[in-house]
Amino acid sequence: MAEVTKREMIDGVCKVCDFYKENDEQLECGAFKIIKILVEEGKLRMEDIYFARERLGSQR
């Protein structure tokens, strides 16, 4: 499994959140922490996150 950086996680997960604030990137919400663990354990891929983001974009 490839290492995923915090920047990749923020870009993939946080930036679609209504509560995301660029100046608060050091804060990690519960969803971020859960998704990070799933990615680290190989149960979720960044490709899955990008796919979900695309689906969210079509619903907004």
PDB file of N, CA and C in Angstrom:
ATOM      1  N   MET A   1       0.844  -1.190   0.000  1.00  0.00           N
ATOM      2  CA  MET A   1       0.000   0.000   0.000  1.00  0.00           C
ATOM      3  C   MET A   1       0.881   1.243   0.000  1.00  0.00           C
ATOM      4  N   ALA A   2       0.505   2.205  -0.785  1.00  0.00           N
ATOM      5  CA  ALA A   2       1.263   3.446  -0.869  1.00  0.00           C
ATOM      6  C   ALA A   2       0.976   4.324   0.346  1.00  0.00           C
ATOM      7  N   GLU A   3       2.003   5.032   0.785  1.00  0.00           N
ATOM      8  CA  GLU A   3       1.834   5.987   1.885  1.00  0.00           C
ATOM      9  C   GLU A   3       0.994   7.164   1.399  1.00  0.00           C
ATOM     10  N   VAL A   4       0.093   7.597   2.227  1.00  0.00           N
ATOM     11  CA  VAL A   4      -0.747   8.752   1.911  1.00  0.00           C
ATOM     12  C   VAL A   4      -0.354   9.872   2.860  1.00  0.00           C
ATOM     13  N   THR A   5      -0.057  11.013   2.292  1.00  0.00           N
ATOM     14  CA  THR A   5       0.346  12.153   3.113  1.00  0.00           C
ATOM     15  C   THR A   5      -0.877  12.862   3.696  1.00  0.00           C
ATOM     16  N   LYS A   6      -0.630  13.629   4.730  1.00  0.00           N
ATOM     17  CA  LYS A   6      -1.713  14.412   5.328  1.00  0.00           C
ATOM     18  C   LYS A   6      -2.271  15.386   4.293  1.00  0.00           C
ATOM     19  N   ARG A   7      -1.412  15.956   3.450  1.00  0.00           N
ATOM     20  CA  ARG A   7      -1.861  16.881   2.405  1.00  0.00           C
ATOM     21  C   ARG A   7      -2.828  16.181   1.462  1.00  0.00           C
ATOM     22  N   GLU A   8      -2.519  14.942   1.055  1.00  0.00           N
ATOM     23  CA  GLU A   8      -3.410  14.199   0.163  1.00  0.00           C
ATOM     24  C   GLU A   8      -4.759  13.940   0.846  1.00  0.00           C
ATOM     25  N   MET A   9      -4.715  13.632   2.136  1.00  0.00           N
ATOM     26  CA  MET A   9      -5.945  13.395   2.876  1.00  0.00           C
ATOM     27  C   MET A   9      -6.774  14.678   2.978  1.00  0.00           C
ATOM     28  N   ILE A  10      -6.120  15.787   3.266  1.00  0.00           N
ATOM     29  CA  ILE A  10      -6.836  17.070   3.360  1.00  0.00           C
ATOM     30  C   ILE A  10      -7.460  17.408   2.012  1.00  0.00           C
ATOM     31  N   ASP A  11      -6.685  17.267   0.947  1.00  0.00           N
ATOM     32  CA  ASP A  11      -7.210  17.579  -0.386  1.00  0.00           C
ATOM     33  C   ASP A  11      -8.352  16.633  -0.773  1.00  0.00           C
ATOM     34  N   GLY A  12      -8.226  15.367  -0.384  1.00  0.00           N
ATOM     35  CA  GLY A  12      -9.225  14.375  -0.760  1.00  0.00           C
ATOM     36  C   GLY A  12     -10.482  14.390   0.089  1.00  0.00           C
ATOM     37  N   VAL A  13     -10.328  14.694   1.366  1.00  0.00           N
ATOM     38  CA  VAL A  13     -11.443  14.577   2.299  1.00  0.00           C
ATOM     39  C   VAL A  13     -11.951  15.937   2.770  1.00  0.00           C
ATOM     40  N   CYS A  14     -11.079  16.722   3.318  1.00  0.00           N
ATOM     41  CA  CYS A  14     -11.492  17.940   4.032  1.00  0.00           C
ATOM     42  C   CYS A  14     -12.060  19.031   3.137  1.00  0.00           C
ATOM     43  N   LYS A  15     -11.491  19.201   1.979  1.00  0.00           N
ATOM     44  CA  LYS A  15     -11.876  20.345   1.154  1.00  0.00           C
ATOM     45  C   LYS A  15     -13.304  20.284   0.640  1.00  0.00           C
ATOM     46  N   VAL A  16     -13.960  19.129   0.731  1.00  0.00           N
ATOM     47  CA  VAL A  16     -15.373  19.050   0.336  1.00  0.00           C
ATOM     48  C   VAL A  16     -16.305  19.289   1.514  1.00  0.00           C
ATOM     49  N   CYS A  17     -15.749  19.394   2.700  1.00  0.00           N
ATOM     50  CA  CYS A  17     -16.546  19.588   3.909  1.00  0.00           C
ATOM     51  C   CYS A  17     -16.975  21.050   4.036  1.00  0.00           C
ATOM     52  N   ASP A  18     -18.219  21.247   4.413  1.00  0.00           N
ATOM     53  CA  ASP A  18     -18.737  22.603   4.607  1.00  0.00           C
ATOM     54  C   ASP A  18     -18.038  23.332   5.756  1.00  0.00           C
ATOM     55  N   PHE A  19     -17.425  22.579   6.668  1.00  0.00           N
ATOM     56  CA  PHE A  19     -16.772  23.170   7.827  1.00  0.00           C
ATOM     57  C   PHE A  19     -15.278  23.408   7.624  1.00  0.00           C
ATOM     58  N   TYR A  20     -14.749  23.047   6.456  1.00  0.00           N
ATOM     59  CA  TYR A  20     -13.311  23.181   6.189  1.00  0.00           C
ATOM     60  C   TYR A  20     -12.904  24.648   6.169  1.00  0.00           C
ATOM     61  N   LYS A  21     -11.824  24.944   6.884  1.00  0.00           N
ATOM     62  CA  LYS A  21     -11.221  26.274   6.867  1.00  0.00           C
ATOM     63  C   LYS A  21      -9.727  26.079   6.669  1.00  0.00           C
ATOM     64  N   GLU A  22      -9.196  26.702   5.643  1.00  0.00           N
ATOM     65  CA  GLU A  22      -7.791  26.510   5.293  1.00  0.00           C
ATOM     66  C   GLU A  22      -6.846  26.854   6.444  1.00  0.00           C
ATOM     67  N   ASN A  23      -7.219  27.825   7.259  1.00  0.00           N
ATOM     68  CA  ASN A  23      -6.337  28.230   8.350  1.00  0.00           C
ATOM     69  C   ASN A  23      -6.440  27.307   9.562  1.00  0.00           C
ATOM     70  N   ASP A  24      -7.330  26.303   9.532  1.00  0.00           N
ATOM     71  CA  ASP A  24      -7.481  25.354  10.635  1.00  0.00           C
ATOM     72  C   ASP A  24      -7.074  23.938  10.235  1.00  0.00           C
ATOM     73  N   GLU A  25      -6.146  23.798   9.301  1.00  0.00           N
ATOM     74  CA  GLU A  25      -5.786  22.479   8.799  1.00  0.00           C
ATOM     75  C   GLU A  25      -5.113  21.597   9.833  1.00  0.00           C
ATOM     76  N   GLN A  26      -4.620  22.157  10.921  1.00  0.00           N
ATOM     77  CA  GLN A  26      -3.995  21.330  11.943  1.00  0.00           C
ATOM     78  C   GLN A  26      -5.045  20.553  12.734  1.00  0.00           C
ATOM     79  N   LEU A  27      -6.308  21.012  12.685  1.00  0.00           N
ATOM     80  CA  LEU A  27      -7.391  20.316  13.371  1.00  0.00           C
ATOM     81  C   LEU A  27      -7.852  19.129  12.536  1.00  0.00           C
ATOM     82  N   GLU A  28      -8.152  18.007  13.195  1.00  0.00           N
ATOM     83  CA  GLU A  28      -8.636  16.820  12.495  1.00  0.00           C
ATOM     84  C   GLU A  28      -9.981  16.415  13.092  1.00  0.00           C
ATOM     85  N   CYS A  29     -11.010  16.401  12.261  1.00  0.00           N
ATOM     86  CA  CYS A  29     -12.321  15.989  12.744  1.00  0.00           C
ATOM     87  C   CYS A  29     -12.384  14.465  12.841  1.00  0.00           C
ATOM     88  N   GLY A  30     -13.447  13.983  13.427  1.00  0.00           N
ATOM     89  CA  GLY A  30     -13.617  12.542  13.596  1.00  0.00           C
ATOM     90  C   GLY A  30     -13.675  11.797  12.271  1.00  0.00           C
ATOM     91  N   ALA A  31     -14.367  12.355  11.291  1.00  0.00           N
ATOM     92  CA  ALA A  31     -14.461  11.701   9.986  1.00  0.00           C
ATOM     93  C   ALA A  31     -13.079  11.565   9.347  1.00  0.00           C
ATOM     94  N   PHE A  32     -12.269  12.613   9.445  1.00  0.00           N
ATOM     95  CA  PHE A  32     -10.909  12.580   8.902  1.00  0.00           C
ATOM     96  C   PHE A  32     -10.115  11.456   9.554  1.00  0.00           C
ATOM     97  N   LYS A  33     -10.205  11.352  10.885  1.00  0.00           N
ATOM     98  CA  LYS A  33      -9.446  10.336  11.615  1.00  0.00           C
ATOM     99  C   LYS A  33      -9.875   8.921  11.216  1.00  0.00           C
ATOM    100  N   ILE A  34     -11.184   8.710  11.081  1.00  0.00           N
ATOM    101  CA  ILE A  34     -11.698   7.396  10.690  1.00  0.00           C
ATOM    102  C   ILE A  34     -11.254   7.038   9.286  1.00  0.00           C
ATOM    103  N   ILE A  35     -11.414   7.970   8.351  1.00  0.00           N
ATOM    104  CA  ILE A  35     -11.026   7.720   6.960  1.00  0.00           C
ATOM    105  C   ILE A  35      -9.525   7.472   6.865  1.00  0.00           C
ATOM    106  N   LYS A  36      -8.741   8.219   7.618  1.00  0.00           N
ATOM    107  CA  LYS A  36      -7.286   8.046   7.622  1.00  0.00           C
ATOM    108  C   LYS A  36      -6.914   6.629   8.051  1.00  0.00           C
ATOM    109  N   ILE A  37      -7.548   6.119   9.104  1.00  0.00           N
ATOM    110  CA  ILE A  37      -7.276   4.752   9.562  1.00  0.00           C
ATOM    111  C   ILE A  37      -7.652   3.741   8.489  1.00  0.00           C
ATOM    112  N   LEU A  38      -8.810   3.918   7.868  1.00  0.00           N
ATOM    113  CA  LEU A  38      -9.240   2.988   6.821  1.00  0.00           C
ATOM    114  C   LEU A  38      -8.281   2.990   5.637  1.00  0.00           C
ATOM    115  N   VAL A  39      -7.778   4.163   5.265  1.00  0.00           N
ATOM    116  CA  VAL A  39      -6.805   4.250   4.168  1.00  0.00           C
ATOM    117  C   VAL A  39      -5.504   3.577   4.577  1.00  0.00           C
ATOM    118  N   GLU A  40      -5.032   3.855   5.783  1.00  0.00           N
ATOM    119  CA  GLU A  40      -3.777   3.266   6.262  1.00  0.00           C
ATOM    120  C   GLU A  40      -3.850   1.746   6.330  1.00  0.00           C
ATOM    121  N   GLU A  41      -5.021   1.207   6.648  1.00  0.00           N
ATOM    122  CA  GLU A  41      -5.189  -0.241   6.744  1.00  0.00           C
ATOM    123  C   GLU A  41      -5.522  -0.889   5.404  1.00  0.00           C
ATOM    124  N   GLY A  42      -5.634  -0.084   4.361  1.00  0.00           N
ATOM    125  CA  GLY A  42      -5.894  -0.620   3.031  1.00  0.00           C
ATOM    126  C   GLY A  42      -7.346  -1.001   2.791  1.00  0.00           C
ATOM    127  N   LYS A  43      -8.242  -0.596   3.662  1.00  0.00           N
ATOM    128  CA  LYS A  43      -9.662  -0.907   3.510  1.00  0.00           C
ATOM    129  C   LYS A  43     -10.363   0.116   2.626  1.00  0.00           C
ATOM    130  N   LEU A  44      -9.729   1.247   2.415  1.00  0.00           N
ATOM    131  CA  LEU A  44     -10.257   2.328   1.591  1.00  0.00           C
ATOM    132  C   LEU A  44      -9.090   2.927   0.825  1.00  0.00           C
ATOM    133  N   ARG A  45      -9.307   3.160  -0.457  1.00  0.00           N
ATOM    134  CA  ARG A  45      -8.242   3.735  -1.279  1.00  0.00           C
ATOM    135  C   ARG A  45      -8.553   5.197  -1.576  1.00  0.00           C
ATOM    136  N   MET A  46      -7.519   5.955  -1.842  1.00  0.00           N
ATOM    137  CA  MET A  46      -7.727   7.356  -2.216  1.00  0.00           C
ATOM    138  C   MET A  46      -8.594   7.436  -3.466  1.00  0.00           C
ATOM    139  N   GLU A  47      -8.496   6.459  -4.355  1.00  0.00           N
ATOM    140  CA  GLU A  47      -9.331   6.442  -5.559  1.00  0.00           C
ATOM    141  C   GLU A  47     -10.806   6.377  -5.182  1.00  0.00           C
ATOM    142  N   ASP A  48     -11.122   5.628  -4.108  1.00  0.00           N
ATOM    143  CA  ASP A  48     -12.501   5.546  -3.623  1.00  0.00           C
ATOM    144  C   ASP A  48     -12.977   6.909  -3.123  1.00  0.00           C
ATOM    145  N   ILE A  49     -12.093   7.610  -2.448  1.00  0.00           N
ATOM    146  CA  ILE A  49     -12.426   8.939  -1.931  1.00  0.00           C
ATOM    147  C   ILE A  49     -12.670   9.906  -3.078  1.00  0.00           C
ATOM    148  N   TYR A  50     -11.813   9.871  -4.096  1.00  0.00           N
ATOM    149  CA  TYR A  50     -11.997  10.756  -5.248  1.00  0.00           C
ATOM    150  C   TYR A  50     -13.305  10.440  -5.982  1.00  0.00           C
ATOM    151  N   PHE A  51     -13.637   9.140  -6.080  1.00  0.00           N
ATOM    152  CA  PHE A  51     -14.894   8.746  -6.713  1.00  0.00           C
ATOM    153  C   PHE A  51     -16.079   9.312  -5.933  1.00  0.00           C
ATOM    154  N   ALA A  52     -16.030   9.193  -4.617  1.00  0.00           N
ATOM    155  CA  ALA A  52     -17.117   9.711  -3.766  1.00  0.00           C
ATOM    156  C   ALA A  52     -17.221  11.237  -3.897  1.00  0.00           C
ATOM    157  N   ARG A  53     -16.076  11.908  -3.982  1.00  0.00           N
ATOM    158  CA  ARG A  53     -16.083  13.363  -4.146  1.00  0.00           C
ATOM    159  C   ARG A  53     -16.786  13.762  -5.440  1.00  0.00           C
ATOM    160  N   GLU A  54     -16.534  13.005  -6.504  1.00  0.00           N
ATOM    161  CA  GLU A  54     -17.187  13.294  -7.779  1.00  0.00           C
ATOM    162  C   GLU A  54     -18.704  13.146  -7.641  1.00  0.00           C
ATOM    163  N   ARG A  55     -19.152  12.119  -6.933  1.00  0.00           N
ATOM    164  CA  ARG A  55     -20.583  11.908  -6.707  1.00  0.00           C
ATOM    165  C   ARG A  55     -21.163  13.043  -5.878  1.00  0.00           C
ATOM    166  N   LEU A  56     -20.429  13.504  -4.878  1.00  0.00           N
ATOM    167  CA  LEU A  56     -20.899  14.621  -4.067  1.00  0.00           C
ATOM    168  C   LEU A  56     -21.041  15.877  -4.910  1.00  0.00           C
ATOM    169  N   GLY A  57     -20.079  16.100  -5.788  1.00  0.00           N
ATOM    170  CA  GLY A  57     -20.101  17.281  -6.645  1.00  0.00           C
ATOM    171  C   GLY A  57     -21.328  17.324  -7.524  1.00  0.00           C
ATOM    172  N   SER A  58     -21.793  16.169  -7.964  1.00  0.00           N
ATOM    173  CA  SER A  58     -22.971  16.138  -8.841  1.00  0.00           C
ATOM    174  C   SER A  58     -24.258  16.329  -8.053  1.00  0.00           C
ATOM    175  N   GLN A  59     -24.198  16.226  -6.720  1.00  0.00           N
ATOM    176  CA  GLN A  59     -25.386  16.393  -5.887  1.00  0.00           C
ATOM    177  C   GLN A  59     -25.521  17.813  -5.350  1.00  0.00           C
ATOM    178  N   ARG A  60     -24.503  18.615  -5.511  1.00  0.00           N
ATOM    179  CA  ARG A  60     -24.546  19.974  -4.956  1.00  0.00           C
ATOM    180  C   ARG A  60     -25.144  20.934  -5.934  1.00  0.00           C
TER     181      ARG A  60
END
